[in-house]
Amino acid sequence: MAAYLGRTPLVPLLPHTEAGAWARALLRPLGSTPRVTLDITRLAVTFPRSAVARLLDISRNTVSHHLGRVEATLGLDLGDVRTRAALDLAFCLTGGQPDGGFGARDGRPVPTLDELSRTEPAHAWAREFLRPLQDTRGRDLHTTLRAWIDANTDAQRTARHLGLSRNTVRAHLRAAEHLLSRDLLTTGSGIHDLVHALRITGLHPGD
């Protein structure tokens, strides 16, 4: 199988050693997980489960079974968009292997993802990524996108929160896709970039 090997734009902007330590710590519980489960998980953090099932010629229930094992092992909810974005980043940093090949941290605390992201290069990337949303033509696309992520990419919940129609929310998302040059409605790769950019711009850059 040709596993998904996407590399997020954020990867080279994070401090290499510390980012490796974070990724290894997050994925370490999966060290004894069967390869097929890891491959399914790497795909499922980016693509819908039905698409993963079709790609691998297995049932959707089989995909869900493997993902359930991963959720239980990590204590995470793969239905949460921020969790999927973090896992995708960790897989990118480790080349898809839980051990990742990074050295030990000599007992030092493992940094958080927010701590890793408080670099000026990461902030510059996030600001540049979101900059096209200033071309709103009377629409507050930034607010819609942040509410959409907060609602776990549920357009109906986003619409209720913002007092908009679901069709208006979908129109905003399609406009944002065009401005950001990212797929937000079909696969998760563009959504992951959006999740990271919104998170980073909410942080204060480190010294």
C-alpha atoms as a PDB file:
ATOM      1  CA  MET A   1       0.000   0.000   0.000  1.00  0.00           C
ATOM      2  CA  ALA A   2       1.191   3.504  -0.746  1.00  0.00           C
ATOM      3  CA  ALA A   3       0.726   5.026   2.706  1.00  0.00           C
ATOM      4  CA  TYR A   4      -0.044   8.710   2.985  1.00  0.00           C
ATOM      5  CA  LEU A   5       3.270  10.477   3.501  1.00  0.00           C
ATOM      6  CA  GLY A   6       2.222  14.109   3.548  1.00  0.00           C
ATOM      7  CA  ARG A   7       4.618  16.611   5.092  1.00  0.00           C
ATOM      8  CA  THR A   8       2.954  19.585   6.715  1.00  0.00           C
ATOM      9  CA  PRO A   9       4.530  23.011   6.076  1.00  0.00           C
ATOM     10  CA  LEU A  10       4.968  23.315   9.835  1.00  0.00           C
ATOM     11  CA  VAL A  11       7.442  20.421  10.153  1.00  0.00           C
ATOM     12  CA  PRO A  12      10.670  22.233   9.153  1.00  0.00           C
ATOM     13  CA  LEU A  13       9.721  25.274  11.234  1.00  0.00           C
ATOM     14  CA  LEU A  14       9.712  23.411  14.559  1.00  0.00           C
ATOM     15  CA  PRO A  15      12.872  22.864  16.632  1.00  0.00           C
ATOM     16  CA  HIS A  16      14.022  19.475  15.340  1.00  0.00           C
ATOM     17  CA  THR A  17      15.138  17.713  18.524  1.00  0.00           C
ATOM     18  CA  GLU A  18      12.310  18.997  20.710  1.00  0.00           C
ATOM     19  CA  ALA A  19       9.681  18.293  18.048  1.00  0.00           C
ATOM     20  CA  GLY A  20      11.014  14.755  17.686  1.00  0.00           C
ATOM     21  CA  ALA A  21      10.760  14.240  21.432  1.00  0.00           C
ATOM     22  CA  TRP A  22       7.157  15.473  21.446  1.00  0.00           C
ATOM     23  CA  ALA A  23       6.191  13.237  18.521  1.00  0.00           C
ATOM     24  CA  ARG A  24       7.882  10.176  20.006  1.00  0.00           C
ATOM     25  CA  ALA A  25       6.176  10.714  23.350  1.00  0.00           C
ATOM     26  CA  LEU A  26       2.770  11.041  21.702  1.00  0.00           C
ATOM     27  CA  LEU A  27       3.198   7.932  19.558  1.00  0.00           C
ATOM     28  CA  ARG A  28       5.219   5.791  21.959  1.00  0.00           C
ATOM     29  CA  PRO A  29       2.183   3.807  23.215  1.00  0.00           C
ATOM     30  CA  LEU A  30       1.743   2.590  19.628  1.00  0.00           C
ATOM     31  CA  GLY A  31       5.184   0.968  19.581  1.00  0.00           C
ATOM     32  CA  SER A  32       3.802  -2.587  19.504  1.00  0.00           C
ATOM     33  CA  THR A  33       0.810  -1.768  17.302  1.00  0.00           C
ATOM     34  CA  PRO A  34       0.544  -3.873  14.109  1.00  0.00           C
ATOM     35  CA  ARG A  35       1.759  -2.157  10.975  1.00  0.00           C
ATOM     36  CA  VAL A  36      -1.631  -2.440   9.300  1.00  0.00           C
ATOM     37  CA  THR A  37      -3.233  -0.541  12.183  1.00  0.00           C
ATOM     38  CA  LEU A  38      -0.634   2.206  11.925  1.00  0.00           C
ATOM     39  CA  ASP A  39      -1.149   2.484   8.163  1.00  0.00           C
ATOM     40  CA  ILE A  40      -4.921   2.718   8.587  1.00  0.00           C
ATOM     41  CA  THR A  41      -4.501   5.359  11.296  1.00  0.00           C
ATOM     42  CA  ARG A  42      -2.140   7.473   9.203  1.00  0.00           C
ATOM     43  CA  LEU A  43      -4.678   7.508   6.411  1.00  0.00           C
ATOM     44  CA  ALA A  44      -7.670   8.038   8.675  1.00  0.00           C
ATOM     45  CA  VAL A  45      -6.303  11.186  10.313  1.00  0.00           C
ATOM     46  CA  THR A  46      -6.492  12.817   6.879  1.00  0.00           C
ATOM     47  CA  PHE A  47      -9.202  11.009   4.908  1.00  0.00           C
ATOM     48  CA  PRO A  48     -12.770  10.004   5.844  1.00  0.00           C
ATOM     49  CA  ARG A  49     -13.106   6.449   7.117  1.00  0.00           C
ATOM     50  CA  SER A  50     -15.232   5.472   4.136  1.00  0.00           C
ATOM     51  CA  ALA A  51     -12.480   6.681   1.793  1.00  0.00           C
ATOM     52  CA  VAL A  52      -9.854   4.704   3.730  1.00  0.00           C
ATOM     53  CA  ALA A  53     -12.017   1.591   3.476  1.00  0.00           C
ATOM     54  CA  ARG A  54     -12.371   2.011  -0.289  1.00  0.00           C
ATOM     55  CA  LEU A  55      -8.669   2.697  -0.753  1.00  0.00           C
ATOM     56  CA  LEU A  56      -7.626  -0.403   1.178  1.00  0.00           C
ATOM     57  CA  ASP A  57     -10.522  -2.554  -0.048  1.00  0.00           C
ATOM     58  CA  ILE A  58     -11.707  -3.323   3.469  1.00  0.00           C
ATOM     59  CA  SER A  59     -14.956  -2.612   5.269  1.00  0.00           C
ATOM     60  CA  ARG A  60     -15.618   0.613   7.111  1.00  0.00           C
ATOM     61  CA  ASN A  61     -16.240  -1.470  10.235  1.00  0.00           C
ATOM     62  CA  THR A  62     -12.729  -2.897   9.926  1.00  0.00           C
ATOM     63  CA  VAL A  63     -11.309   0.614   9.708  1.00  0.00           C
ATOM     64  CA  SER A  64     -13.319   1.642  12.779  1.00  0.00           C
ATOM     65  CA  HIS A  65     -12.115  -1.443  14.655  1.00  0.00           C
ATOM     66  CA  HIS A  66      -8.462  -0.577  14.058  1.00  0.00           C
ATOM     67  CA  LEU A  67      -9.025   3.063  14.981  1.00  0.00           C
ATOM     68  CA  GLY A  68     -10.841   2.045  18.141  1.00  0.00           C
ATOM     69  CA  ARG A  69      -7.750   0.130  19.235  1.00  0.00           C
ATOM     70  CA  VAL A  70      -5.592   3.195  18.615  1.00  0.00           C
ATOM     71  CA  GLU A  71      -7.996   5.455  20.515  1.00  0.00           C
ATOM     72  CA  ALA A  72      -7.940   3.080  23.489  1.00  0.00           C
ATOM     73  CA  THR A  73      -4.142   2.841  23.395  1.00  0.00           C
ATOM     74  CA  LEU A  74      -3.552   6.594  23.184  1.00  0.00           C
ATOM     75  CA  GLY A  75      -6.548   7.689  25.262  1.00  0.00           C
ATOM     76  CA  LEU A  76      -7.526  10.087  22.477  1.00  0.00           C
ATOM     77  CA  ASP A  77     -10.633  10.727  20.400  1.00  0.00           C
ATOM     78  CA  LEU A  78      -9.838  10.453  16.708  1.00  0.00           C
ATOM     79  CA  GLY A  79     -13.180  12.057  15.982  1.00  0.00           C
ATOM     80  CA  ASP A  80     -11.710  15.354  17.196  1.00  0.00           C
ATOM     81  CA  VAL A  81     -10.190  17.459  14.438  1.00  0.00           C
ATOM     82  CA  ARG A  82      -7.450  18.896  16.652  1.00  0.00           C
ATOM     83  CA  THR A  83      -6.423  15.398  17.728  1.00  0.00           C
ATOM     84  CA  ARG A  84      -6.193  14.277  14.112  1.00  0.00           C
ATOM     85  CA  ALA A  85      -4.101  17.331  13.212  1.00  0.00           C
ATOM     86  CA  ALA A  86      -1.690  16.642  16.079  1.00  0.00           C
ATOM     87  CA  LEU A  87      -1.378  12.958  15.184  1.00  0.00           C
ATOM     88  CA  ASP A  88      -0.765  13.770  11.532  1.00  0.00           C
ATOM     89  CA  LEU A  89       2.011  16.152  12.549  1.00  0.00           C
ATOM     90  CA  ALA A  90       3.539  13.522  14.849  1.00  0.00           C
ATOM     91  CA  PHE A  91       3.458  10.935  12.061  1.00  0.00           C
ATOM     92  CA  CYS A  92       5.142  13.409   9.709  1.00  0.00           C
ATOM     93  CA  LEU A  93       7.856  14.131  12.253  1.00  0.00           C
ATOM     94  CA  THR A  94       8.600  10.446  12.862  1.00  0.00           C
ATOM     95  CA  GLY A  95       8.232   9.173   9.325  1.00  0.00           C
ATOM     96  CA  GLY A  96       5.213   7.155  10.395  1.00  0.00           C
ATOM     97  CA  GLN A  97       7.084   5.045  12.939  1.00  0.00           C
ATOM     98  CA  PRO A  98       6.269   5.360  16.664  1.00  0.00           C
ATOM     99  CA  ASP A  99       9.954   5.151  17.610  1.00  0.00           C
ATOM    100  CA  GLY A 100      10.766   7.848  15.018  1.00  0.00           C
ATOM    101  CA  GLY A 101      14.535   7.398  15.294  1.00  0.00           C
ATOM    102  CA  PHE A 102      14.983  10.451  17.540  1.00  0.00           C
ATOM    103  CA  GLY A 103      17.342  10.347  20.482  1.00  0.00           C
ATOM    104  CA  ALA A 104      16.322  10.373  24.130  1.00  0.00           C
ATOM    105  CA  ARG A 105      15.748  13.601  26.017  1.00  0.00           C
ATOM    106  CA  ASP A 106      17.974  12.638  28.969  1.00  0.00           C
ATOM    107  CA  GLY A 107      15.084  12.904  31.403  1.00  0.00           C
ATOM    108  CA  ARG A 108      14.141  16.424  30.374  1.00  0.00           C
ATOM    109  CA  PRO A 109      10.412  17.225  30.221  1.00  0.00           C
ATOM    110  CA  VAL A 110       8.792  16.627  26.863  1.00  0.00           C
ATOM    111  CA  PRO A 111       7.658  19.947  25.386  1.00  0.00           C
ATOM    112  CA  THR A 112       4.033  20.567  24.474  1.00  0.00           C
ATOM    113  CA  LEU A 113       2.967  21.310  20.921  1.00  0.00           C
ATOM    114  CA  ASP A 114       2.175  24.886  21.918  1.00  0.00           C
ATOM    115  CA  GLU A 115       5.679  25.302  23.334  1.00  0.00           C
ATOM    116  CA  LEU A 116       7.161  23.966  20.107  1.00  0.00           C
ATOM    117  CA  SER A 117       5.086  26.393  18.070  1.00  0.00           C
ATOM    118  CA  ARG A 118       6.222  29.562  19.861  1.00  0.00           C
ATOM    119  CA  THR A 119       8.891  30.298  17.276  1.00  0.00           C
ATOM    120  CA  GLU A 120       8.950  33.294  14.990  1.00  0.00           C
ATOM    121  CA  PRO A 121       9.169  31.107  11.843  1.00  0.00           C
ATOM    122  CA  ALA A 122       6.051  29.209  12.922  1.00  0.00           C
ATOM    123  CA  HIS A 123       4.210  32.447  13.668  1.00  0.00           C
ATOM    124  CA  ALA A 124       5.298  33.945  10.357  1.00  0.00           C
ATOM    125  CA  TRP A 125       4.003  30.861   8.533  1.00  0.00           C
ATOM    126  CA  ALA A 126       0.671  30.974  10.391  1.00  0.00           C
ATOM    127  CA  ARG A 127       0.181  34.683   9.722  1.00  0.00           C
ATOM    128  CA  GLU A 128       1.011  34.240   6.047  1.00  0.00           C
ATOM    129  CA  PHE A 129      -1.271  31.210   5.788  1.00  0.00           C
ATOM    130  CA  LEU A 130      -4.247  33.157   7.180  1.00  0.00           C
ATOM    131  CA  ARG A 131      -3.464  36.429   5.410  1.00  0.00           C
ATOM    132  CA  PRO A 132      -5.648  35.684   2.327  1.00  0.00           C
ATOM    133  CA  LEU A 133      -8.702  35.655   4.597  1.00  0.00           C
ATOM    134  CA  GLN A 134      -8.412  39.427   4.736  1.00  0.00           C
ATOM    135  CA  ASP A 135      -9.936  39.393   1.244  1.00  0.00           C
ATOM    136  CA  THR A 136     -13.364  38.882   2.790  1.00  0.00           C
ATOM    137  CA  ARG A 137     -15.572  40.975   0.501  1.00  0.00           C
ATOM    138  CA  GLY A 138     -17.837  41.703   3.437  1.00  0.00           C
ATOM    139  CA  ARG A 139     -17.644  38.209   4.924  1.00  0.00           C
ATOM    140  CA  ASP A 140     -15.849  37.435   8.174  1.00  0.00           C
ATOM    141  CA  LEU A 141     -14.254  34.218   6.981  1.00  0.00           C
ATOM    142  CA  HIS A 142     -11.725  34.108   9.817  1.00  0.00           C
ATOM    143  CA  THR A 143     -14.505  34.053  12.430  1.00  0.00           C
ATOM    144  CA  THR A 144     -16.394  31.392  10.498  1.00  0.00           C
ATOM    145  CA  LEU A 145     -13.324  29.186  10.200  1.00  0.00           C
ATOM    146  CA  ARG A 146     -12.426  29.490  13.864  1.00  0.00           C
ATOM    147  CA  ALA A 147     -16.006  28.681  14.871  1.00  0.00           C
ATOM    148  CA  TRP A 148     -16.021  25.766  12.428  1.00  0.00           C
ATOM    149  CA  ILE A 149     -12.899  24.266  13.985  1.00  0.00           C
ATOM    150  CA  ASP A 150     -14.301  24.902  17.484  1.00  0.00           C
ATOM    151  CA  ALA A 151     -17.430  23.011  16.353  1.00  0.00           C
ATOM    152  CA  ASN A 152     -15.257  20.107  15.189  1.00  0.00           C
ATOM    153  CA  THR A 153     -15.963  20.982  11.524  1.00  0.00           C
ATOM    154  CA  ASP A 154     -19.720  20.584  11.994  1.00  0.00           C
ATOM    155  CA  ALA A 155     -21.308  23.171   9.688  1.00  0.00           C
ATOM    156  CA  GLN A 156     -24.707  22.979  11.383  1.00  0.00           C
ATOM    157  CA  ARG A 157     -23.267  23.636  14.844  1.00  0.00           C
ATOM    158  CA  THR A 158     -21.159  26.441  13.386  1.00  0.00           C
ATOM    159  CA  ALA A 159     -24.248  27.994  11.811  1.00  0.00           C
ATOM    160  CA  ARG A 160     -26.173  27.882  15.099  1.00  0.00           C
ATOM    161  CA  HIS A 161     -23.268  29.419  17.007  1.00  0.00           C
ATOM    162  CA  LEU A 162     -22.816  32.262  14.518  1.00  0.00           C
ATOM    163  CA  GLY A 163     -26.490  32.843  13.814  1.00  0.00           C
ATOM    164  CA  LEU A 164     -26.000  32.043  10.134  1.00  0.00           C
ATOM    165  CA  SER A 165     -27.605  29.539   7.798  1.00  0.00           C
ATOM    166  CA  ARG A 166     -25.800  26.277   7.094  1.00  0.00           C
ATOM    167  CA  ASN A 167     -25.626  27.263   3.431  1.00  0.00           C
ATOM    168  CA  THR A 168     -23.893  30.529   4.373  1.00  0.00           C
ATOM    169  CA  VAL A 169     -21.344  28.627   6.435  1.00  0.00           C
ATOM    170  CA  ARG A 170     -20.708  26.254   3.532  1.00  0.00           C
ATOM    171  CA  ALA A 171     -20.327  29.227   1.188  1.00  0.00           C
ATOM    172  CA  HIS A 172     -17.779  30.762   3.563  1.00  0.00           C
ATOM    173  CA  LEU A 173     -15.866  27.474   3.654  1.00  0.00           C
ATOM    174  CA  ARG A 174     -15.787  27.241  -0.130  1.00  0.00           C
ATOM    175  CA  ALA A 175     -14.568  30.850  -0.333  1.00  0.00           C
ATOM    176  CA  ALA A 176     -11.871  30.081   2.229  1.00  0.00           C
ATOM    177  CA  GLU A 177     -10.794  27.026   0.242  1.00  0.00           C
ATOM    178  CA  HIS A 178     -10.221  29.252  -2.768  1.00  0.00           C
ATOM    179  CA  LEU A 179      -8.371  31.948  -0.829  1.00  0.00           C
ATOM    180  CA  LEU A 180      -6.195  29.531   1.168  1.00  0.00           C
ATOM    181  CA  SER A 181      -5.630  27.112  -1.722  1.00  0.00           C
ATOM    182  CA  ARG A 182      -6.502  24.254   0.618  1.00  0.00           C
ATOM    183  CA  ASP A 183      -9.094  21.485   0.502  1.00  0.00           C
ATOM    184  CA  LEU A 184     -11.283  21.956   3.585  1.00  0.00           C
ATOM    185  CA  LEU A 185     -14.353  19.937   2.632  1.00  0.00           C
ATOM    186  CA  THR A 186     -12.994  16.660   1.249  1.00  0.00           C
ATOM    187  CA  THR A 187      -9.758  15.644   2.987  1.00  0.00           C
ATOM    188  CA  GLY A 188      -8.085  16.627   6.214  1.00  0.00           C
ATOM    189  CA  SER A 189      -4.727  17.876   5.006  1.00  0.00           C
ATOM    190  CA  GLY A 190      -5.922  21.431   4.456  1.00  0.00           C
ATOM    191  CA  ILE A 191      -7.890  21.342   7.691  1.00  0.00           C
ATOM    192  CA  HIS A 192      -4.755  20.331   9.599  1.00  0.00           C
ATOM    193  CA  ASP A 193      -2.897  23.361   8.280  1.00  0.00           C
ATOM    194  CA  LEU A 194      -5.845  25.528   9.303  1.00  0.00           C
ATOM    195  CA  VAL A 195      -5.943  23.986  12.797  1.00  0.00           C
ATOM    196  CA  HIS A 196      -2.228  24.634  13.300  1.00  0.00           C
ATOM    197  CA  ALA A 197      -2.371  28.174  11.914  1.00  0.00           C
ATOM    198  CA  LEU A 198      -5.300  29.175  14.134  1.00  0.00           C
ATOM    199  CA  ARG A 199      -3.658  27.621  17.178  1.00  0.00           C
ATOM    200  CA  ILE A 200      -0.308  29.291  16.554  1.00  0.00           C
ATOM    201  CA  THR A 201      -1.771  32.755  15.985  1.00  0.00           C
ATOM    202  CA  GLY A 202      -3.446  32.424  19.364  1.00  0.00           C
ATOM    203  CA  LEU A 203      -0.068  31.955  21.047  1.00  0.00           C
ATOM    204  CA  HIS A 204       2.532  34.539  22.049  1.00  0.00           C
ATOM    205  CA  PRO A 205       5.814  34.033  20.176  1.00  0.00           C
ATOM    206  CA  GLY A 206       8.734  32.927  22.311  1.00  0.00           C
ATOM    207  CA  ASP A 207      11.738  35.054  22.891  1.00  0.00           C
END
